Amino acid sequence: MRLVQILGPGCPKCEQLKKNVEQAVAASGVEAVVEKVTDINQIIAFGVMVTPAVVVDGEVKSVGKVLTPEDAAKLLQ
């Protein structure tokens, strides 16, 4: 089971990224949990200064952009 975390304060871009990642997980068949992280201290702990960001299994994969479902799926492989 993979852990995919969406880092962001809850802005529209962050919410869109979460939806796109959830679509990617559903379409890819990868077993994953998608979690939203809004706590600024947790976000900073990842070294992320620009949101939204995507973290897969503890590794920051994308920062500062809203990935399409297709691009998000590539991060799950």
PDB file of N, CA and C in Angstrom:
ATOM      1  N   MET A   1       0.859  -1.184   0.000  1.00  0.00           N
ATOM      2  CA  MET A   1       0.000   0.000   0.000  1.00  0.00           C
ATOM      3  C   MET A   1       0.895   1.232   0.000  1.00  0.00           C
ATOM      4  N   ARG A   2       0.670   2.103  -0.963  1.00  0.00           N
ATOM      5  CA  ARG A   2       1.452   3.336  -1.057  1.00  0.00           C
ATOM      6  C   ARG A   2       0.721   4.460  -0.347  1.00  0.00           C
ATOM      7  N   LEU A   3       1.481   5.419   0.157  1.00  0.00           N
ATOM      8  CA  LEU A   3       0.917   6.601   0.792  1.00  0.00           C
ATOM      9  C   LEU A   3       1.235   7.800  -0.088  1.00  0.00           C
ATOM     10  N   VAL A   4       0.181   8.454  -0.577  1.00  0.00           N
ATOM     11  CA  VAL A   4       0.335   9.650  -1.402  1.00  0.00           C
ATOM     12  C   VAL A   4      -0.229  10.814  -0.594  1.00  0.00           C
ATOM     13  N   GLN A   5       0.623  11.804  -0.344  1.00  0.00           N
ATOM     14  CA  GLN A   5       0.193  12.960   0.438  1.00  0.00           C
ATOM     15  C   GLN A   5       0.171  14.197  -0.444  1.00  0.00           C
ATOM     16  N   ILE A   6      -0.918  14.951  -0.340  1.00  0.00           N
ATOM     17  CA  ILE A   6      -1.058  16.217  -1.036  1.00  0.00           C
ATOM     18  C   ILE A   6      -0.810  17.305   0.004  1.00  0.00           C
ATOM     19  N   LEU A   7       0.211  18.117  -0.218  1.00  0.00           N
ATOM     20  CA  LEU A   7       0.559  19.166   0.731  1.00  0.00           C
ATOM     21  C   LEU A   7       0.000  20.498   0.245  1.00  0.00           C
ATOM     22  N   GLY A   8      -0.758  21.160   1.103  1.00  0.00           N
ATOM     23  CA  GLY A   8      -1.289  22.470   0.762  1.00  0.00           C
ATOM     24  C   GLY A   8      -2.306  22.930   1.780  1.00  0.00           C
ATOM     25  N   PRO A   9      -2.514  24.249   1.839  1.00  0.00           N
ATOM     26  CA  PRO A   9      -3.395  24.814   2.864  1.00  0.00           C
ATOM     27  C   PRO A   9      -4.890  24.653   2.587  1.00  0.00           C
ATOM     28  N   GLY A  10      -5.246  24.141   1.426  1.00  0.00           N
ATOM     29  CA  GLY A  10      -6.666  23.986   1.114  1.00  0.00           C
ATOM     30  C   GLY A  10      -7.136  24.925   0.018  1.00  0.00           C
ATOM     31  N   CYS A  11      -6.195  25.496  -0.712  1.00  0.00           N
ATOM     32  CA  CYS A  11      -6.528  26.405  -1.809  1.00  0.00           C
ATOM     33  C   CYS A  11      -7.159  25.613  -2.966  1.00  0.00           C
ATOM     34  N   PRO A  12      -7.797  26.297  -3.912  1.00  0.00           N
ATOM     35  CA  PRO A  12      -8.413  25.595  -5.048  1.00  0.00           C
ATOM     36  C   PRO A  12      -7.429  24.726  -5.828  1.00  0.00           C
ATOM     37  N   LYS A  13      -6.190  25.178  -6.004  1.00  0.00           N
ATOM     38  CA  LYS A  13      -5.201  24.373  -6.726  1.00  0.00           C
ATOM     39  C   LYS A  13      -4.880  23.093  -5.966  1.00  0.00           C
ATOM     40  N   CYS A  14      -4.799  23.200  -4.646  1.00  0.00           N
ATOM     41  CA  CYS A  14      -4.520  22.023  -3.823  1.00  0.00           C
ATOM     42  C   CYS A  14      -5.661  21.010  -3.928  1.00  0.00           C
ATOM     43  N   GLU A  15      -6.882  21.515  -3.893  1.00  0.00           N
ATOM     44  CA  GLU A  15      -8.047  20.631  -3.983  1.00  0.00           C
ATOM     45  C   GLU A  15      -8.113  19.956  -5.347  1.00  0.00           C
ATOM     46  N   GLN A  16      -7.788  20.706  -6.410  1.00  0.00           N
ATOM     47  CA  GLN A  16      -7.796  20.123  -7.758  1.00  0.00           C
ATOM     48  C   GLN A  16      -6.726  19.050  -7.883  1.00  0.00           C
ATOM     49  N   LEU A  17      -5.556  19.320  -7.322  1.00  0.00           N
ATOM     50  CA  LEU A  17      -4.483  18.326  -7.359  1.00  0.00           C
ATOM     51  C   LEU A  17      -4.912  17.055  -6.644  1.00  0.00           C
ATOM     52  N   LYS A  18      -5.558  17.182  -5.504  1.00  0.00           N
ATOM     53  CA  LYS A  18      -6.023  16.006  -4.766  1.00  0.00           C
ATOM     54  C   LYS A  18      -6.986  15.193  -5.613  1.00  0.00           C
ATOM     55  N   LYS A  19      -7.925  15.862  -6.282  1.00  0.00           N
ATOM     56  CA  LYS A  19      -8.878  15.155  -7.151  1.00  0.00           C
ATOM     57  C   LYS A  19      -8.154  14.445  -8.293  1.00  0.00           C
ATOM     58  N   ASN A  20      -7.179  15.117  -8.895  1.00  0.00           N
ATOM     59  CA  ASN A  20      -6.442  14.515 -10.005  1.00  0.00           C
ATOM     60  C   ASN A  20      -5.637  13.302  -9.555  1.00  0.00           C
ATOM     61  N   VAL A  21      -5.039  13.386  -8.379  1.00  0.00           N
ATOM     62  CA  VAL A  21      -4.272  12.250  -7.856  1.00  0.00           C
ATOM     63  C   VAL A  21      -5.210  11.088  -7.526  1.00  0.00           C
ATOM     64  N   GLU A  22      -6.368  11.388  -6.950  1.00  0.00           N
ATOM     65  CA  GLU A  22      -7.344  10.329  -6.665  1.00  0.00           C
ATOM     66  C   GLU A  22      -7.795   9.649  -7.956  1.00  0.00           C
ATOM     67  N   GLN A  23      -7.996  10.413  -9.019  1.00  0.00           N
ATOM     68  CA  GLN A  23      -8.360   9.827 -10.318  1.00  0.00           C
ATOM     69  C   GLN A  23      -7.235   8.934 -10.825  1.00  0.00           C
ATOM     70  N   ALA A  24      -5.999   9.380 -10.677  1.00  0.00           N
ATOM     71  CA  ALA A  24      -4.850   8.602 -11.133  1.00  0.00           C
ATOM     72  C   ALA A  24      -4.739   7.285 -10.381  1.00  0.00           C
ATOM     73  N   VAL A  25      -4.953   7.341  -9.080  1.00  0.00           N
ATOM     74  CA  VAL A  25      -4.896   6.124  -8.265  1.00  0.00           C
ATOM     75  C   VAL A  25      -5.984   5.148  -8.717  1.00  0.00           C
ATOM     76  N   ALA A  26      -7.188   5.651  -8.900  1.00  0.00           N
ATOM     77  CA  ALA A  26      -8.303   4.793  -9.321  1.00  0.00           C
ATOM     78  C   ALA A  26      -8.047   4.176 -10.687  1.00  0.00           C
ATOM     79  N   ALA A  27      -7.519   4.963 -11.616  1.00  0.00           N
ATOM     80  CA  ALA A  27      -7.304   4.481 -12.980  1.00  0.00           C
ATOM     81  C   ALA A  27      -6.117   3.522 -13.078  1.00  0.00           C
ATOM     82  N   SER A  28      -5.119   3.704 -12.226  1.00  0.00           N
ATOM     83  CA  SER A  28      -3.905   2.901 -12.330  1.00  0.00           C
ATOM     84  C   SER A  28      -4.031   1.532 -11.676  1.00  0.00           C
ATOM     85  N   GLY A  29      -4.960   1.402 -10.753  1.00  0.00           N
ATOM     86  CA  GLY A  29      -5.103   0.140 -10.052  1.00  0.00           C
ATOM     87  C   GLY A  29      -4.078  -0.052  -8.945  1.00  0.00           C
ATOM     88  N   VAL A  30      -3.264   0.956  -8.694  1.00  0.00           N
ATOM     89  CA  VAL A  30      -2.264   0.891  -7.626  1.00  0.00           C
ATOM     90  C   VAL A  30      -2.984   1.027  -6.289  1.00  0.00           C
ATOM     91  N   GLU A  31      -2.606   0.192  -5.330  1.00  0.00           N
ATOM     92  CA  GLU A  31      -3.198   0.311  -4.003  1.00  0.00           C
ATOM     93  C   GLU A  31      -2.511   1.462  -3.287  1.00  0.00           C
ATOM     94  N   ALA A  32      -3.283   2.512  -3.026  1.00  0.00           N
ATOM     95  CA  ALA A  32      -2.708   3.697  -2.399  1.00  0.00           C
ATOM     96  C   ALA A  32      -3.760   4.421  -1.573  1.00  0.00           C
ATOM     97  N   VAL A  33      -3.272   5.091  -0.555  1.00  0.00           N
ATOM     98  CA  VAL A  33      -4.104   5.964   0.267  1.00  0.00           C
ATOM     99  C   VAL A  33      -3.696   7.390  -0.081  1.00  0.00           C
ATOM    100  N   VAL A  34      -4.691   8.236  -0.380  1.00  0.00           N
ATOM    101  CA  VAL A  34      -4.416   9.640  -0.669  1.00  0.00           C
ATOM    102  C   VAL A  34      -4.805  10.445   0.561  1.00  0.00           C
ATOM    103  N   GLU A  35      -3.847  11.209   1.059  1.00  0.00           N
ATOM    104  CA  GLU A  35      -4.036  11.958   2.297  1.00  0.00           C
ATOM    105  C   GLU A  35      -3.734  13.430   2.038  1.00  0.00           C
ATOM    106  N   LYS A  36      -4.562  14.308   2.586  1.00  0.00           N
ATOM    107  CA  LYS A  36      -4.354  15.757   2.462  1.00  0.00           C
ATOM    108  C   LYS A  36      -3.647  16.239   3.713  1.00  0.00           C
ATOM    109  N   VAL A  37      -2.551  16.977   3.536  1.00  0.00           N
ATOM    110  CA  VAL A  37      -1.800  17.536   4.651  1.00  0.00           C
ATOM    111  C   VAL A  37      -1.918  19.057   4.583  1.00  0.00           C
ATOM    112  N   THR A  38      -2.565  19.653   5.574  1.00  0.00           N
ATOM    113  CA  THR A  38      -2.759  21.104   5.591  1.00  0.00           C
ATOM    114  C   THR A  38      -1.948  21.794   6.679  1.00  0.00           C
ATOM    115  N   ASP A  39      -1.373  21.031   7.588  1.00  0.00           N
ATOM    116  CA  ASP A  39      -0.595  21.597   8.692  1.00  0.00           C
ATOM    117  C   ASP A  39       0.717  22.167   8.146  1.00  0.00           C
ATOM    118  N   ILE A  40       0.894  23.476   8.284  1.00  0.00           N
ATOM    119  CA  ILE A  40       2.069  24.156   7.730  1.00  0.00           C
ATOM    120  C   ILE A  40       3.371  23.591   8.286  1.00  0.00           C
ATOM    121  N   ASN A  41       3.385  23.171   9.534  1.00  0.00           N
ATOM    122  CA  ASN A  41       4.599  22.597  10.124  1.00  0.00           C
ATOM    123  C   ASN A  41       4.972  21.274   9.465  1.00  0.00           C
ATOM    124  N   GLN A  42       3.966  20.459   9.140  1.00  0.00           N
ATOM    125  CA  GLN A  42       4.235  19.199   8.444  1.00  0.00           C
ATOM    126  C   GLN A  42       4.733  19.471   7.026  1.00  0.00           C
ATOM    127  N   ILE A  43       4.134  20.467   6.376  1.00  0.00           N
ATOM    128  CA  ILE A  43       4.543  20.807   5.010  1.00  0.00           C
ATOM    129  C   ILE A  43       6.009  21.265   5.009  1.00  0.00           C
ATOM    130  N   ILE A  44       6.354  22.125   5.935  1.00  0.00           N
ATOM    131  CA  ILE A  44       7.730  22.627   6.034  1.00  0.00           C
ATOM    132  C   ILE A  44       8.695  21.496   6.370  1.00  0.00           C
ATOM    133  N   ALA A  45       8.252  20.523   7.166  1.00  0.00           N
ATOM    134  CA  ALA A  45       9.109  19.391   7.526  1.00  0.00           C
ATOM    135  C   ALA A  45       9.555  18.601   6.290  1.00  0.00           C
ATOM    136  N   PHE A  46       8.762  18.646   5.233  1.00  0.00           N
ATOM    137  CA  PHE A  46       9.139  17.988   3.975  1.00  0.00           C
ATOM    138  C   PHE A  46      10.100  18.851   3.162  1.00  0.00           C
ATOM    139  N   GLY A  47      10.340  20.096   3.619  1.00  0.00           N
ATOM    140  CA  GLY A  47      11.207  21.002   2.880  1.00  0.00           C
ATOM    141  C   GLY A  47      10.479  21.721   1.762  1.00  0.00           C
ATOM    142  N   VAL A  48       9.156  21.656   1.781  1.00  0.00           N
ATOM    143  CA  VAL A  48       8.341  22.273   0.733  1.00  0.00           C
ATOM    144  C   VAL A  48       8.006  23.705   1.123  1.00  0.00           C
ATOM    145  N   MET A  49       8.329  24.640   0.228  1.00  0.00           N
ATOM    146  CA  MET A  49       8.042  26.049   0.482  1.00  0.00           C
ATOM    147  C   MET A  49       6.971  26.586  -0.463  1.00  0.00           C
ATOM    148  N   VAL A  50       6.647  25.830  -1.505  1.00  0.00           N
ATOM    149  CA  VAL A  50       5.639  26.235  -2.479  1.00  0.00           C
ATOM    150  C   VAL A  50       4.642  25.089  -2.618  1.00  0.00           C
ATOM    151  N   THR A  51       3.367  25.415  -2.484  1.00  0.00           N
ATOM    152  CA  THR A  51       2.330  24.393  -2.635  1.00  0.00           C
ATOM    153  C   THR A  51       1.547  24.673  -3.908  1.00  0.00           C
ATOM    154  N   PRO A  52       0.831  23.692  -4.411  1.00  0.00           N
ATOM    155  CA  PRO A  52       0.664  22.354  -3.867  1.00  0.00           C
ATOM    156  C   PRO A  52       1.868  21.469  -4.161  1.00  0.00           C
ATOM    157  N   ALA A  53       1.961  20.401  -3.389  1.00  0.00           N
ATOM    158  CA  ALA A  53       3.049  19.447  -3.580  1.00  0.00           C
ATOM    159  C   ALA A  53       2.514  18.031  -3.420  1.00  0.00           C
ATOM    160  N   VAL A  54       3.221  17.088  -4.030  1.00  0.00           N
ATOM    161  CA  VAL A  54       2.854  15.670  -3.937  1.00  0.00           C
ATOM    162  C   VAL A  54       4.024  14.917  -3.321  1.00  0.00           C
ATOM    163  N   VAL A  55       3.719  14.108  -2.312  1.00  0.00           N
ATOM    164  CA  VAL A  55       4.713  13.257  -1.664  1.00  0.00           C
ATOM    165  C   VAL A  55       4.230  11.816  -1.811  1.00  0.00           C
ATOM    166  N   VAL A  56       5.109  10.960  -2.321  1.00  0.00           N
ATOM    167  CA  VAL A  56       4.773   9.537  -2.479  1.00  0.00           C
ATOM    168  C   VAL A  56       5.720   8.744  -1.594  1.00  0.00           C
ATOM    169  N   ASP A  57       5.153   8.036  -0.641  1.00  0.00           N
ATOM    170  CA  ASP A  57       5.938   7.210   0.290  1.00  0.00           C
ATOM    171  C   ASP A  57       7.084   8.007   0.920  1.00  0.00           C
ATOM    172  N   GLY A  58       6.788   9.233   1.334  1.00  0.00           N
ATOM    173  CA  GLY A  58       7.755  10.051   2.041  1.00  0.00           C
ATOM    174  C   GLY A  58       8.714  10.840   1.175  1.00  0.00           C
ATOM    175  N   GLU A  59       8.628  10.686  -0.150  1.00  0.00           N
ATOM    176  CA  GLU A  59       9.535  11.379  -1.066  1.00  0.00           C
ATOM    177  C   GLU A  59       8.771  12.441  -1.857  1.00  0.00           C
ATOM    178  N   VAL A  60       9.242  13.687  -1.799  1.00  0.00           N
ATOM    179  CA  VAL A  60       8.601  14.777  -2.530  1.00  0.00           C
ATOM    180  C   VAL A  60       8.798  14.541  -4.024  1.00  0.00           C
ATOM    181  N   LYS A  61       7.690  14.482  -4.764  1.00  0.00           N
ATOM    182  CA  LYS A  61       7.735  14.176  -6.198  1.00  0.00           C
ATOM    183  C   LYS A  61       7.393  15.370  -7.078  1.00  0.00           C
ATOM    184  N   SER A  62       6.587  16.304  -6.564  1.00  0.00           N
ATOM    185  CA  SER A  62       6.161  17.448  -7.365  1.00  0.00           C
ATOM    186  C   SER A  62       5.894  18.623  -6.433  1.00  0.00           C
ATOM    187  N   VAL A  63       6.311  19.814  -6.865  1.00  0.00           N
ATOM    188  CA  VAL A  63       6.128  21.015  -6.051  1.00  0.00           C
ATOM    189  C   VAL A  63       5.654  22.160  -6.942  1.00  0.00           C
ATOM    190  N   GLY A  64       4.628  22.872  -6.482  1.00  0.00           N
ATOM    191  CA  GLY A  64       4.219  24.103  -7.131  1.00  0.00           C
ATOM    192  C   GLY A  64       3.392  23.996  -8.381  1.00  0.00           C
ATOM    193  N   LYS A  65       2.868  22.809  -8.678  1.00  0.00           N
ATOM    194  CA  LYS A  65       2.021  22.696  -9.869  1.00  0.00           C
ATOM    195  C   LYS A  65       0.902  21.701  -9.659  1.00  0.00           C
ATOM    196  N   VAL A  66      -0.151  21.897 -10.446  1.00  0.00           N
ATOM    197  CA  VAL A  66      -1.291  20.990 -10.421  1.00  0.00           C
ATOM    198  C   VAL A  66      -1.070  19.971 -11.526  1.00  0.00           C
ATOM    199  N   LEU A  67      -0.752  18.763 -11.137  1.00  0.00           N
ATOM    200  CA  LEU A  67      -0.527  17.694 -12.108  1.00  0.00           C
ATOM    201  C   LEU A  67      -1.846  17.226 -12.698  1.00  0.00           C
ATOM    202  N   THR A  68      -1.808  16.827 -13.959  1.00  0.00           N
ATOM    203  CA  THR A  68      -2.975  16.191 -14.565  1.00  0.00           C
ATOM    204  C   THR A  68      -3.061  14.779 -13.997  1.00  0.00           C
ATOM    205  N   PRO A  69      -4.217  14.128 -14.134  1.00  0.00           N
ATOM    206  CA  PRO A  69      -4.293  12.733 -13.688  1.00  0.00           C
ATOM    207  C   PRO A  69      -3.240  11.850 -14.369  1.00  0.00           C
ATOM    208  N   GLU A  70      -2.957  12.123 -15.634  1.00  0.00           N
ATOM    209  CA  GLU A  70      -1.962  11.331 -16.368  1.00  0.00           C
ATOM    210  C   GLU A  70      -0.566  11.517 -15.781  1.00  0.00           C
ATOM    211  N   ASP A  71      -0.203  12.781 -15.486  1.00  0.00           N
ATOM    212  CA  ASP A  71       1.112  13.042 -14.898  1.00  0.00           C
ATOM    213  C   ASP A  71       1.207  12.460 -13.487  1.00  0.00           C
ATOM    214  N   ALA A  72       0.126  12.548 -12.733  1.00  0.00           N
ATOM    215  CA  ALA A  72       0.112  11.985 -11.382  1.00  0.00           C
ATOM    216  C   ALA A  72       0.283  10.473 -11.427  1.00  0.00           C
ATOM    217  N   ALA A  73      -0.300   9.824 -12.417  1.00  0.00           N
ATOM    218  CA  ALA A  73      -0.193   8.363 -12.541  1.00  0.00           C
ATOM    219  C   ALA A  73       1.262   7.942 -12.731  1.00  0.00           C
ATOM    220  N   LYS A  74       2.041   8.758 -13.438  1.00  0.00           N
ATOM    221  CA  LYS A  74       3.457   8.429 -13.655  1.00  0.00           C
ATOM    222  C   LYS A  74       4.240   8.390 -12.339  1.00  0.00           C
ATOM    223  N   LEU A  75       3.816   9.190 -11.377  1.00  0.00           N
ATOM    224  CA  LEU A  75       4.498   9.218 -10.078  1.00  0.00           C
ATOM    225  C   LEU A  75       4.216   7.973  -9.249  1.00  0.00           C
ATOM    226  N   LEU A  76       3.165   7.256  -9.585  1.00  0.00           N
ATOM    227  CA  LEU A  76       2.767   6.080  -8.821  1.00  0.00           C
ATOM    228  C   LEU A  76       3.489   4.814  -9.267  1.00  0.00           C
ATOM    229  N   GLN A  77       4.158   4.874 -10.392  1.00  0.00           N
ATOM    230  CA  GLN A  77       4.801   3.683 -10.944  1.00  0.00           C
ATOM    231  C   GLN A  77       6.146   3.425 -10.334  1.00  0.00           C
TER     232      GLN A  77
END
